[in-house]
Amino acid sequence: MVAGSGSIVLVGAGNMGGAMLSGWLDKGVEGRRITVVDPSPSETMQEKISAAGARHATAVPEGMVADILFLAVKPQMMDTVLPPLKAAVGEKTVVVSVAAGKTLGFLQSHLGDAAMVRAMPNTPAMIGRGVTGAFANARVGDAQRQAVDELLTVSGPVEWVATEADIDAVTAVSGSGPAYVFYLVECMAEAGRKLGLPADLAMRLARETVSGAGELLNQSPEDASQLRKNVTSPGGTTAAALSVLMADDGIQPIFDKAIEAARTRAEELGR
């Protein structure tokens, strides 16, 4: 059960915004607390909003001031979306943005000097298995932080970071991270095809292996390093593969370069 009684204005009901809304409703947030602002939500989302007793509007209703203003729109849309929202930000409002790269300074330039949280969820949030990094500015009070934490936690665990700059690193590691895992599946399947397996079989094997290993990691008390050692027999097939993957020119330096590139791009989006 998500506690609280304040009003929630959700701006953007696409994949991420819609996933958060579904999670809130599933966890017991009363629909009457929620106003969804989106010019054209999907038919499914419209039905969900209506069934929950929430309110849908194409713009923030005149005179409405949000207790929590959730911004779930793409970074490139922010310059257009934010200016009309300033009227919805009051002294007790906390603004939560999930837009990659958009800094608190950028948000303040449009919305004023308010309590603000930058959050970076990832796409497994759509099935309640995401992870979110979050940073709160100095104006966010304890009760506001707790309320935001509860709303974000419906999509998975929340990790609060010490500095705003850390959010760009979070974006690079976990925000973009699911794509790296999906590409790993593609690479494993392609390698299997090159060894002579039918392409569809290779993909099924790779997909089930990665999803199963992820669930084992989720359920096991052991860390990733120990789980790797558990499956690696000295002189065996896994050890042969890892001797390539863990070589000085293996996968670690590639990941270092890739994640650094993602962080740099996140920083660029905030300028």
Protein backbone atom coordinates (compact mmCIF):
# COMPACT_ATOMS: atom_id res chain seq x y z
CA MET A 1 0.00 0.00 0.00
CA VAL A 2 1.40 3.41 -1.02
CA ALA A 3 0.70 5.93 1.72
CA GLY A 4 -0.18 9.58 1.36
CA SER A 5 -3.16 11.69 0.50
CA GLY A 6 -1.78 14.52 -1.63
CA SER A 7 -2.60 15.21 -5.24
CA ILE A 8 -0.45 13.68 -7.96
CA VAL A 9 -0.18 15.20 -11.43
CA LEU A 10 1.40 12.83 -13.94
CA VAL A 11 2.55 14.55 -17.12
CA GLY A 12 2.99 11.94 -19.83
CA ALA A 13 1.24 8.57 -19.99
CA GLY A 14 3.48 6.76 -22.46
CA ASN A 15 5.48 3.63 -21.69
CA MET A 16 7.20 4.87 -18.54
CA GLY A 17 4.46 7.15 -17.29
CA GLY A 18 1.86 4.49 -17.97
CA ALA A 19 3.92 1.86 -16.15
CA MET A 20 4.21 4.10 -13.11
CA LEU A 21 0.50 4.89 -13.15
CA SER A 22 -0.39 1.19 -13.34
CA GLY A 23 1.95 0.46 -10.45
CA TRP A 24 0.46 3.21 -8.29
CA LEU A 25 -3.07 1.97 -8.87
CA ASP A 26 -2.08 -1.65 -8.25
CA LYS A 27 -0.47 -0.62 -4.95
CA GLY A 28 -3.57 1.16 -3.73
CA VAL A 29 -3.12 4.80 -4.67
CA GLU A 30 -6.60 6.22 -4.98
CA GLY A 31 -7.48 7.23 -8.50
CA ARG A 32 -9.13 10.43 -7.30
CA ARG A 33 -5.71 11.69 -6.22
CA ILE A 34 -4.31 11.44 -9.74
CA THR A 35 -4.59 13.78 -12.72
CA VAL A 36 -2.99 12.50 -15.92
CA VAL A 37 -1.93 15.19 -18.37
CA ASP A 38 -1.38 13.84 -21.86
CA PRO A 39 -2.73 15.12 -25.18
CA SER A 40 -3.34 11.66 -26.62
CA PRO A 41 -3.07 8.67 -24.28
CA SER A 42 -3.64 5.23 -25.76
CA GLU A 43 -7.10 3.72 -25.66
CA THR A 44 -5.92 1.22 -23.07
CA MET A 45 -4.54 4.00 -20.89
CA GLN A 46 -7.74 6.03 -21.24
CA GLU A 47 -9.72 3.02 -20.04
CA LYS A 48 -7.36 2.51 -17.09
CA ILE A 49 -7.62 6.18 -16.07
CA SER A 50 -11.40 6.11 -16.29
CA ALA A 51 -11.79 2.79 -14.44
CA ALA A 52 -9.60 4.06 -11.59
CA GLY A 53 -11.60 7.25 -11.15
CA ALA A 54 -8.57 9.34 -12.07
CA ARG A 55 -8.80 12.51 -14.11
CA HIS A 56 -7.49 12.98 -17.65
CA ALA A 57 -6.68 16.37 -19.12
CA THR A 58 -4.77 17.61 -22.14
CA ALA A 59 -3.29 20.39 -19.98
CA VAL A 60 -3.06 21.00 -16.23
CA PRO A 61 -6.49 22.26 -15.18
CA GLU A 62 -6.58 25.96 -14.38
CA GLY A 63 -5.98 26.68 -10.71
CA MET A 64 -4.62 23.20 -9.90
CA VAL A 65 -1.47 23.07 -7.76
CA ALA A 66 0.09 19.62 -7.42
CA ASP A 67 1.51 18.12 -4.26
CA ILE A 68 3.62 15.86 -6.48
CA LEU A 69 4.26 16.79 -10.12
CA PHE A 70 5.63 13.79 -12.04
CA LEU A 71 7.31 14.58 -15.37
CA ALA A 72 7.40 11.47 -17.57
CA VAL A 73 8.06 13.01 -20.98
CA LYS A 74 11.00 12.66 -23.36
CA PRO A 75 13.93 15.05 -22.81
CA GLN A 76 13.50 16.68 -26.21
CA MET A 77 9.91 17.63 -25.33
CA MET A 78 10.76 19.39 -22.08
CA ASP A 79 11.22 22.89 -23.49
CA THR A 80 7.68 22.77 -24.86
CA VAL A 81 6.02 20.93 -21.98
CA LEU A 82 7.44 22.75 -18.96
CA PRO A 83 6.43 26.42 -19.32
CA PRO A 84 2.66 25.81 -18.95
CA LEU A 85 3.31 23.68 -15.85
CA LYS A 86 4.77 26.49 -13.74
CA ALA A 87 1.33 27.47 -12.49
CA ALA A 88 0.91 23.96 -11.04
CA VAL A 89 4.01 24.32 -8.84
CA GLY A 90 3.39 25.77 -5.40
CA GLU A 91 5.35 26.15 -2.17
CA LYS A 92 4.52 22.57 -1.10
CA THR A 93 5.00 20.93 -4.52
CA VAL A 94 7.75 18.41 -5.16
CA VAL A 95 8.65 17.98 -8.83
CA VAL A 96 9.91 14.57 -9.99
CA SER A 97 11.53 14.23 -13.41
CA VAL A 98 12.45 10.98 -15.14
CA ALA A 99 13.85 12.70 -18.26
CA ALA A 100 17.42 11.63 -19.01
CA GLY A 101 20.00 14.40 -18.87
CA LYS A 102 17.69 17.25 -17.87
CA THR A 103 19.30 18.85 -14.82
CA LEU A 104 17.65 20.40 -11.79
CA GLY A 105 18.98 23.74 -13.01
CA PHE A 106 17.14 23.25 -16.30
CA LEU A 107 13.92 22.35 -14.49
CA GLN A 108 14.27 25.35 -12.16
CA SER A 109 14.73 27.69 -15.11
CA HIS A 110 11.21 26.75 -16.21
CA LEU A 111 9.43 25.92 -12.97
CA GLY A 112 11.12 28.10 -10.36
CA ASP A 113 13.04 27.26 -7.20
CA ALA A 114 10.98 24.29 -6.02
CA ALA A 115 11.60 20.99 -4.25
CA MET A 116 12.82 18.68 -7.01
CA VAL A 117 13.90 15.09 -7.58
CA ARG A 118 15.71 13.72 -10.60
CA ALA A 119 14.97 10.04 -11.05
CA MET A 120 16.22 7.52 -13.58
CA PRO A 121 14.16 4.31 -13.84
CA ASN A 122 14.68 1.68 -16.51
CA THR A 123 12.31 -0.21 -18.78
CA PRO A 124 11.83 -3.31 -16.56
CA ALA A 125 9.79 -0.87 -14.47
CA MET A 126 7.03 -1.75 -16.93
CA ILE A 127 6.75 -5.16 -15.25
CA GLY A 128 7.58 -3.99 -11.72
CA ARG A 129 11.18 -5.22 -11.98
CA GLY A 130 13.01 -1.98 -12.64
CA VAL A 131 15.56 -0.12 -10.54
CA THR A 132 15.57 3.65 -10.11
CA GLY A 133 18.36 6.02 -9.16
CA ALA A 134 17.18 9.27 -7.54
CA PHE A 135 18.63 12.55 -6.30
CA ALA A 136 16.77 15.17 -4.27
CA ASN A 137 17.68 18.83 -4.00
CA ALA A 138 17.98 20.59 -0.65
CA ARG A 139 14.39 21.85 -0.74
CA VAL A 140 12.92 18.34 -0.61
CA GLY A 141 11.65 17.60 2.90
CA ASP A 142 11.66 14.22 4.62
CA ALA A 143 7.94 13.64 4.07
CA GLN A 144 8.23 14.61 0.38
CA ARG A 145 11.18 12.29 -0.10
CA GLN A 146 9.29 9.42 1.53
CA ALA A 147 6.25 10.04 -0.65
CA VAL A 148 8.37 10.11 -3.81
CA ASP A 149 10.27 6.99 -2.72
CA GLU A 150 6.99 5.10 -2.23
CA LEU A 151 5.72 6.10 -5.65
CA LEU A 152 8.98 5.13 -7.36
CA THR A 153 9.29 1.85 -5.45
CA VAL A 154 6.18 0.41 -7.13
CA SER A 155 8.44 -0.11 -10.18
CA GLY A 156 11.27 -1.74 -8.20
CA PRO A 157 13.98 -0.73 -5.73
CA VAL A 158 15.08 2.91 -5.45
CA GLU A 159 18.70 3.91 -4.88
CA TRP A 160 19.21 7.50 -3.65
CA VAL A 161 22.54 8.96 -4.77
CA ALA A 162 24.70 11.59 -3.10
CA THR A 163 25.15 14.07 -5.96
CA GLU A 164 23.21 15.09 -9.03
CA ALA A 165 26.19 14.17 -11.21
CA ASP A 166 25.74 10.56 -10.07
CA ILE A 167 22.43 10.45 -11.94
CA ASP A 168 24.29 10.57 -15.26
CA ALA A 169 26.33 7.53 -14.18
CA VAL A 170 23.12 5.79 -13.06
CA THR A 171 21.66 6.53 -16.49
CA ALA A 172 24.68 4.93 -18.15
CA VAL A 173 24.68 1.80 -15.98
CA SER A 174 21.04 0.95 -15.24
CA GLY A 175 18.95 3.41 -17.23
CA SER A 176 20.43 2.23 -20.52
CA GLY A 177 21.49 -1.14 -19.10
CA PRO A 178 18.58 -3.29 -20.31
CA ALA A 179 19.63 -2.58 -23.90
CA TYR A 180 23.09 -3.96 -23.16
CA VAL A 181 21.55 -7.19 -21.86
CA PHE A 182 19.25 -7.50 -24.86
CA TYR A 183 22.25 -7.03 -27.16
CA LEU A 184 24.11 -9.72 -25.21
CA VAL A 185 21.28 -12.10 -26.09
CA GLU A 186 21.60 -11.11 -29.76
CA CYS A 187 25.36 -11.72 -29.68
CA MET A 188 25.05 -15.11 -27.99
CA ALA A 189 22.40 -16.20 -30.47
CA GLU A 190 24.47 -15.06 -33.44
CA ALA A 191 27.52 -16.92 -32.12
CA GLY A 192 25.38 -20.05 -31.78
CA ARG A 193 24.12 -19.66 -35.34
CA LYS A 194 27.70 -19.42 -36.58
CA LEU A 195 28.40 -22.73 -34.82
CA GLY A 196 25.65 -24.35 -36.91
CA LEU A 197 22.54 -24.09 -34.74
CA PRO A 198 19.30 -23.02 -36.43
CA ALA A 199 18.87 -19.28 -35.83
CA ASP A 200 15.55 -19.64 -34.00
CA LEU A 201 16.94 -22.33 -31.69
CA ALA A 202 20.06 -20.28 -30.96
CA MET A 203 17.88 -17.30 -30.04
CA ARG A 204 15.66 -19.37 -27.76
CA LEU A 205 18.69 -20.81 -25.99
CA ALA A 206 20.30 -17.41 -25.53
CA ARG A 207 17.09 -15.72 -24.43
CA GLU A 208 16.17 -18.36 -21.85
CA THR A 209 19.75 -18.55 -20.57
CA VAL A 210 19.98 -14.81 -19.92
CA SER A 211 16.51 -14.50 -18.41
CA GLY A 212 17.09 -17.58 -16.23
CA ALA A 213 20.49 -16.36 -15.08
CA GLY A 214 18.93 -13.01 -14.22
CA GLU A 215 16.27 -14.67 -12.10
CA LEU A 216 18.90 -16.81 -10.36
CA LEU A 217 20.86 -13.64 -9.61
CA ASN A 218 17.67 -12.06 -8.28
CA GLN A 219 16.85 -14.96 -5.97
CA SER A 220 20.33 -15.95 -4.82
CA PRO A 221 22.00 -14.38 -1.76
CA GLU A 222 25.37 -14.78 -3.52
CA ASP A 223 26.88 -11.98 -5.55
CA ALA A 224 27.47 -12.12 -9.30
CA SER A 225 31.15 -12.99 -8.92
CA GLN A 226 30.40 -16.04 -6.78
CA LEU A 227 27.61 -17.21 -9.07
CA ARG A 228 30.03 -17.02 -11.98
CA LYS A 229 32.58 -19.09 -10.05
CA ASN A 230 29.90 -21.64 -9.15
CA VAL A 231 29.28 -22.47 -12.80
CA THR A 232 32.95 -22.41 -13.84
CA SER A 233 34.78 -25.74 -13.51
CA PRO A 234 38.58 -25.52 -13.76
CA GLY A 235 39.69 -26.44 -17.25
CA GLY A 236 36.10 -26.74 -18.47
CA THR A 237 34.11 -25.17 -21.28
CA THR A 238 32.96 -22.15 -19.25
CA ALA A 239 36.52 -21.44 -18.17
CA ALA A 240 37.61 -21.54 -21.83
CA ALA A 241 35.01 -18.94 -22.77
CA LEU A 242 35.77 -16.75 -19.76
CA SER A 243 39.47 -16.76 -20.62
CA VAL A 244 38.46 -14.78 -23.70
CA LEU A 245 35.78 -12.60 -22.09
CA MET A 246 37.96 -11.73 -19.06
CA ALA A 247 41.21 -11.13 -20.97
CA ASP A 248 42.84 -7.71 -20.83
CA ASP A 249 41.27 -6.92 -24.19
CA GLY A 250 38.02 -8.70 -23.37
CA ILE A 251 34.61 -7.43 -22.34
CA GLN A 252 35.50 -5.16 -19.38
CA PRO A 253 37.32 -2.47 -21.39
CA ILE A 254 34.49 -2.54 -23.95
CA PHE A 255 31.92 -1.98 -21.20
CA ASP A 256 34.07 0.76 -19.69
CA LYS A 257 34.11 2.56 -23.03
CA ALA A 258 30.41 1.98 -23.72
CA ILE A 259 29.17 3.15 -20.33
CA GLU A 260 31.46 6.18 -20.41
CA ALA A 261 29.93 7.06 -23.80
CA ALA A 262 26.44 6.77 -22.33
CA ARG A 263 27.34 9.01 -19.38
CA THR A 264 28.88 11.60 -21.71
CA ARG A 265 25.71 11.63 -23.80
CA ALA A 266 23.59 12.08 -20.67
CA GLU A 267 25.73 15.08 -19.72
CA GLU A 268 25.34 16.50 -23.23
CA LEU A 269 21.55 16.18 -23.04
CA GLY A 270 21.60 18.36 -19.93
CA ARG A 271 23.38 21.28 -21.55
